[in-house]
């Protein structure tokens, strides 16, 4: 529970104690909060109810929180190396194919030239 009465009050206890900060703007009807240092154990569906006295029967919202695992640098590095290696290999293969085609064309032209001179 996050209390706001002229200013935000940090929760004294609870699941997100010491990990939640007020980020809303009362003048714009914004009651946003920021939660940091999330763990996979924080996954879940949470309800959000804003009570504004004397109107205590506000709409209850539902927020689904999914915490995904952060990609390690080594995994990103491995992926970059794999993509880079595949790109370099493709360039080498294309270059080799072009060189082979040019050599075959030169050899064919040479055979035609020799055949013409023999005639």
C-alpha atoms as a PDB file:
ATOM      1  CA  UNK A   1       0.000   0.000   0.000  1.00  0.00           C
ATOM      2  CA  UNK A   2       1.356   3.378  -1.024  1.00  0.00           C
ATOM      3  CA  UNK A   3      -0.100   6.389   0.781  1.00  0.00           C
ATOM      4  CA  UNK A   4      -0.306   9.885  -0.600  1.00  0.00           C
ATOM      5  CA  UNK A   5      -1.623  12.764   1.456  1.00  0.00           C
ATOM      6  CA  UNK A   6      -0.234  16.065   0.166  1.00  0.00           C
ATOM      7  CA  UNK A   7       3.017  14.124  -0.372  1.00  0.00           C
ATOM      8  CA  UNK A   8       3.899  10.468  -0.951  1.00  0.00           C
ATOM      9  CA  UNK A   9       4.676   8.210   2.001  1.00  0.00           C
ATOM     10  CA  UNK A  10       6.873   5.196   1.419  1.00  0.00           C
ATOM     11  CA  UNK A  11       5.351   1.892   2.460  1.00  0.00           C
ATOM     12  CA  UNK A  12       6.608   0.892   5.931  1.00  0.00           C
ATOM     13  CA  UNK A  13       6.290  -2.801   5.066  1.00  0.00           C
ATOM     14  CA  UNK A  14       5.239  -5.113   2.274  1.00  0.00           C
ATOM     15  CA  UNK A  15       6.540  -6.964  -0.700  1.00  0.00           C
ATOM     16  CA  UNK A  16       8.099  -3.945  -2.422  1.00  0.00           C
ATOM     17  CA  UNK A  17       9.327  -2.052   0.650  1.00  0.00           C
ATOM     18  CA  UNK A  18      12.530  -0.114  -0.149  1.00  0.00           C
ATOM     19  CA  UNK A  19      12.025  -0.859  -3.880  1.00  0.00           C
ATOM     20  CA  UNK A  20       9.133   1.430  -4.763  1.00  0.00           C
ATOM     21  CA  UNK A  21       9.033   5.158  -5.505  1.00  0.00           C
ATOM     22  CA  UNK A  22       6.165   7.534  -6.207  1.00  0.00           C
ATOM     23  CA  UNK A  23       6.227   8.768  -9.815  1.00  0.00           C
ATOM     24  CA  UNK A  24       2.731  10.185 -10.245  1.00  0.00           C
ATOM     25  CA  UNK A  25       1.274  13.628 -10.634  1.00  0.00           C
ATOM     26  CA  UNK A  26      -1.892  14.262  -8.615  1.00  0.00           C
ATOM     27  CA  UNK A  27      -2.814  17.311 -10.718  1.00  0.00           C
ATOM     28  CA  UNK A  28      -2.987  15.080 -13.811  1.00  0.00           C
ATOM     29  CA  UNK A  29      -4.738  12.209 -12.010  1.00  0.00           C
ATOM     30  CA  UNK A  30      -1.594  10.127 -12.394  1.00  0.00           C
ATOM     31  CA  UNK A  31      -0.891   7.699  -9.543  1.00  0.00           C
ATOM     32  CA  UNK A  32       2.128   5.964 -11.081  1.00  0.00           C
ATOM     33  CA  UNK A  33       4.814   4.236  -9.065  1.00  0.00           C
ATOM     34  CA  UNK A  34       8.188   2.806 -10.050  1.00  0.00           C
ATOM     35  CA  UNK A  35       9.366  -0.536  -8.739  1.00  0.00           C
ATOM     36  CA  UNK A  36      13.017  -1.463  -9.196  1.00  0.00           C
ATOM     37  CA  UNK A  37      15.296  -4.440  -8.523  1.00  0.00           C
ATOM     38  CA  UNK A  38      12.591  -6.813  -9.684  1.00  0.00           C
ATOM     39  CA  UNK A  39      13.128 -10.552  -9.371  1.00  0.00           C
ATOM     40  CA  UNK A  40      11.295 -13.429 -11.089  1.00  0.00           C
ATOM     41  CA  UNK A  41       9.613 -14.098  -7.747  1.00  0.00           C
ATOM     42  CA  UNK A  42       7.856 -10.698  -8.146  1.00  0.00           C
ATOM     43  CA  UNK A  43       5.831 -12.025 -11.102  1.00  0.00           C
ATOM     44  CA  UNK A  44       2.115 -11.865 -10.600  1.00  0.00           C
ATOM     45  CA  UNK A  45      -1.151 -10.067 -11.113  1.00  0.00           C
ATOM     46  CA  UNK A  46      -1.746  -7.101  -8.858  1.00  0.00           C
ATOM     47  CA  UNK A  47      -4.765  -4.919  -8.261  1.00  0.00           C
ATOM     48  CA  UNK A  48      -4.625  -1.153  -8.207  1.00  0.00           C
ATOM     49  CA  UNK A  49      -7.284   0.777  -6.362  1.00  0.00           C
ATOM     50  CA  UNK A  50      -7.190   4.509  -5.849  1.00  0.00           C
ATOM     51  CA  UNK A  51      -9.223   5.744  -2.917  1.00  0.00           C
ATOM     52  CA  UNK A  52      -9.914   9.434  -2.921  1.00  0.00           C
ATOM     53  CA  UNK A  53     -11.951  10.576   0.089  1.00  0.00           C
ATOM     54  CA  UNK A  54     -14.899  10.984   0.214  1.00  0.00           C
ATOM     55  CA  UNK A  55     -15.257   8.914  -2.987  1.00  0.00           C
ATOM     56  CA  UNK A  56     -14.049   5.560  -1.649  1.00  0.00           C
ATOM     57  CA  UNK A  57     -15.644   3.372  -4.331  1.00  0.00           C
ATOM     58  CA  UNK A  58     -13.226   3.839  -7.217  1.00  0.00           C
ATOM     59  CA  UNK A  59     -12.551   1.476 -10.066  1.00  0.00           C
ATOM     60  CA  UNK A  60     -10.151  -1.369  -9.334  1.00  0.00           C
ATOM     61  CA  UNK A  61      -7.489  -1.827 -11.965  1.00  0.00           C
ATOM     62  CA  UNK A  62      -5.446  -4.929 -12.686  1.00  0.00           C
ATOM     63  CA  UNK A  63      -1.758  -4.952 -13.546  1.00  0.00           C
ATOM     64  CA  UNK A  64       0.072  -8.026 -14.757  1.00  0.00           C
ATOM     65  CA  UNK A  65       3.767  -7.921 -13.909  1.00  0.00           C
ATOM     66  CA  UNK A  66       6.156 -10.188 -15.793  1.00  0.00           C
ATOM     67  CA  UNK A  67       9.809 -10.163 -14.876  1.00  0.00           C
ATOM     68  CA  UNK A  68      12.046 -11.624 -17.566  1.00  0.00           C
ATOM     69  CA  UNK A  69      15.622 -12.713 -17.109  1.00  0.00           C
ATOM     70  CA  UNK A  70      18.213 -10.186 -18.144  1.00  0.00           C
ATOM     71  CA  UNK A  71      20.470 -11.363 -20.977  1.00  0.00           C
ATOM     72  CA  UNK A  72      24.047 -11.824 -19.855  1.00  0.00           C
ATOM     73  CA  UNK A  73      26.807 -10.076 -21.743  1.00  0.00           C
ATOM     74  CA  UNK A  74      28.320 -13.427 -22.686  1.00  0.00           C
ATOM     75  CA  UNK A  75      25.095 -14.447 -24.469  1.00  0.00           C
ATOM     76  CA  UNK A  76      24.988 -11.189 -26.408  1.00  0.00           C
ATOM     77  CA  UNK A  77      28.679 -11.541 -27.222  1.00  0.00           C
ATOM     78  CA  UNK A  78      28.162 -15.112 -28.443  1.00  0.00           C
ATOM     79  CA  UNK A  79      25.234 -14.031 -30.635  1.00  0.00           C
ATOM     80  CA  UNK A  80      27.234 -11.153 -32.131  1.00  0.00           C
ATOM     81  CA  UNK A  81      30.182 -13.455 -32.893  1.00  0.00           C
ATOM     82  CA  UNK A  82      27.877 -16.027 -34.500  1.00  0.00           C
ATOM     83  CA  UNK A  83      26.170 -13.437 -36.717  1.00  0.00           C
ATOM     84  CA  UNK A  84      29.484 -11.797 -37.613  1.00  0.00           C
ATOM     85  CA  UNK A  85      31.083 -15.142 -38.471  1.00  0.00           C
ATOM     86  CA  UNK A  86      28.133 -16.143 -40.633  1.00  0.00           C
ATOM     87  CA  UNK A  87      28.329 -12.799 -42.470  1.00  0.00           C
ATOM     88  CA  UNK A  88      32.067 -13.154 -43.110  1.00  0.00           C
ATOM     89  CA  UNK A  89      31.569 -16.741 -44.310  1.00  0.00           C
ATOM     90  CA  UNK A  90      28.863 -15.608 -46.753  1.00  0.00           C
ATOM     91  CA  UNK A  91      31.149 -12.902 -48.152  1.00  0.00           C
ATOM     92  CA  UNK A  92      33.946 -15.475 -48.638  1.00  0.00           C
ATOM     93  CA  UNK A  93      31.603 -17.936 -50.377  1.00  0.00           C
ATOM     94  CA  UNK A  94      30.206 -15.266 -52.722  1.00  0.00           C
ATOM     95  CA  UNK A  95      33.719 -14.047 -53.540  1.00  0.00           C
ATOM     96  CA  UNK A  96      34.891 -17.615 -54.254  1.00  0.00           C
ATOM     97  CA  UNK A  97      31.908 -18.258 -56.545  1.00  0.00           C
ATOM     98  CA  UNK A  98      32.563 -15.059 -58.515  1.00  0.00           C
ATOM     99  CA  UNK A  99      36.278 -15.881 -58.897  1.00  0.00           C
ATOM    100  CA  UNK A 100      35.477 -19.430 -60.078  1.00  0.00           C
ATOM    101  CA  UNK A 101      32.990 -18.127 -62.645  1.00  0.00           C
ATOM    102  CA  UNK A 102      35.516 -15.629 -64.009  1.00  0.00           C
ATOM    103  CA  UNK A 103      38.208 -18.313 -64.315  1.00  0.00           C
ATOM    104  CA  UNK A 104      35.822 -20.678 -66.098  1.00  0.00           C
ATOM    105  CA  UNK A 105      34.790 -17.889 -68.458  1.00  0.00           C
ATOM    106  CA  UNK A 106      38.455 -17.084 -69.224  1.00  0.00           C
ATOM    107  CA  UNK A 107      39.251 -20.778 -69.789  1.00  0.00           C
ATOM    108  CA  UNK A 108      36.232 -21.169 -72.083  1.00  0.00           C
ATOM    109  CA  UNK A 109      37.178 -18.033 -74.019  1.00  0.00           C
ATOM    110  CA  UNK A 110      40.731 -19.364 -74.362  1.00  0.00           C
ATOM    111  CA  UNK A 111      39.502 -22.739 -75.690  1.00  0.00           C
ATOM    112  CA  UNK A 112      37.258 -20.980 -78.191  1.00  0.00           C
ATOM    113  CA  UNK A 113      40.183 -18.803 -79.267  1.00  0.00           C
ATOM    114  CA  UNK A 114      42.457 -21.859 -79.711  1.00  0.00           C
ATOM    115  CA  UNK A 115      39.737 -23.691 -81.646  1.00  0.00           C
ATOM    116  CA  UNK A 116      39.281 -20.665 -83.945  1.00  0.00           C
ATOM    117  CA  UNK A 117      43.020 -20.433 -84.644  1.00  0.00           C
ATOM    118  CA  UNK A 118      43.174 -24.164 -85.463  1.00  0.00           C
ATOM    119  CA  UNK A 119      40.427 -23.762 -88.022  1.00  0.00           C
END
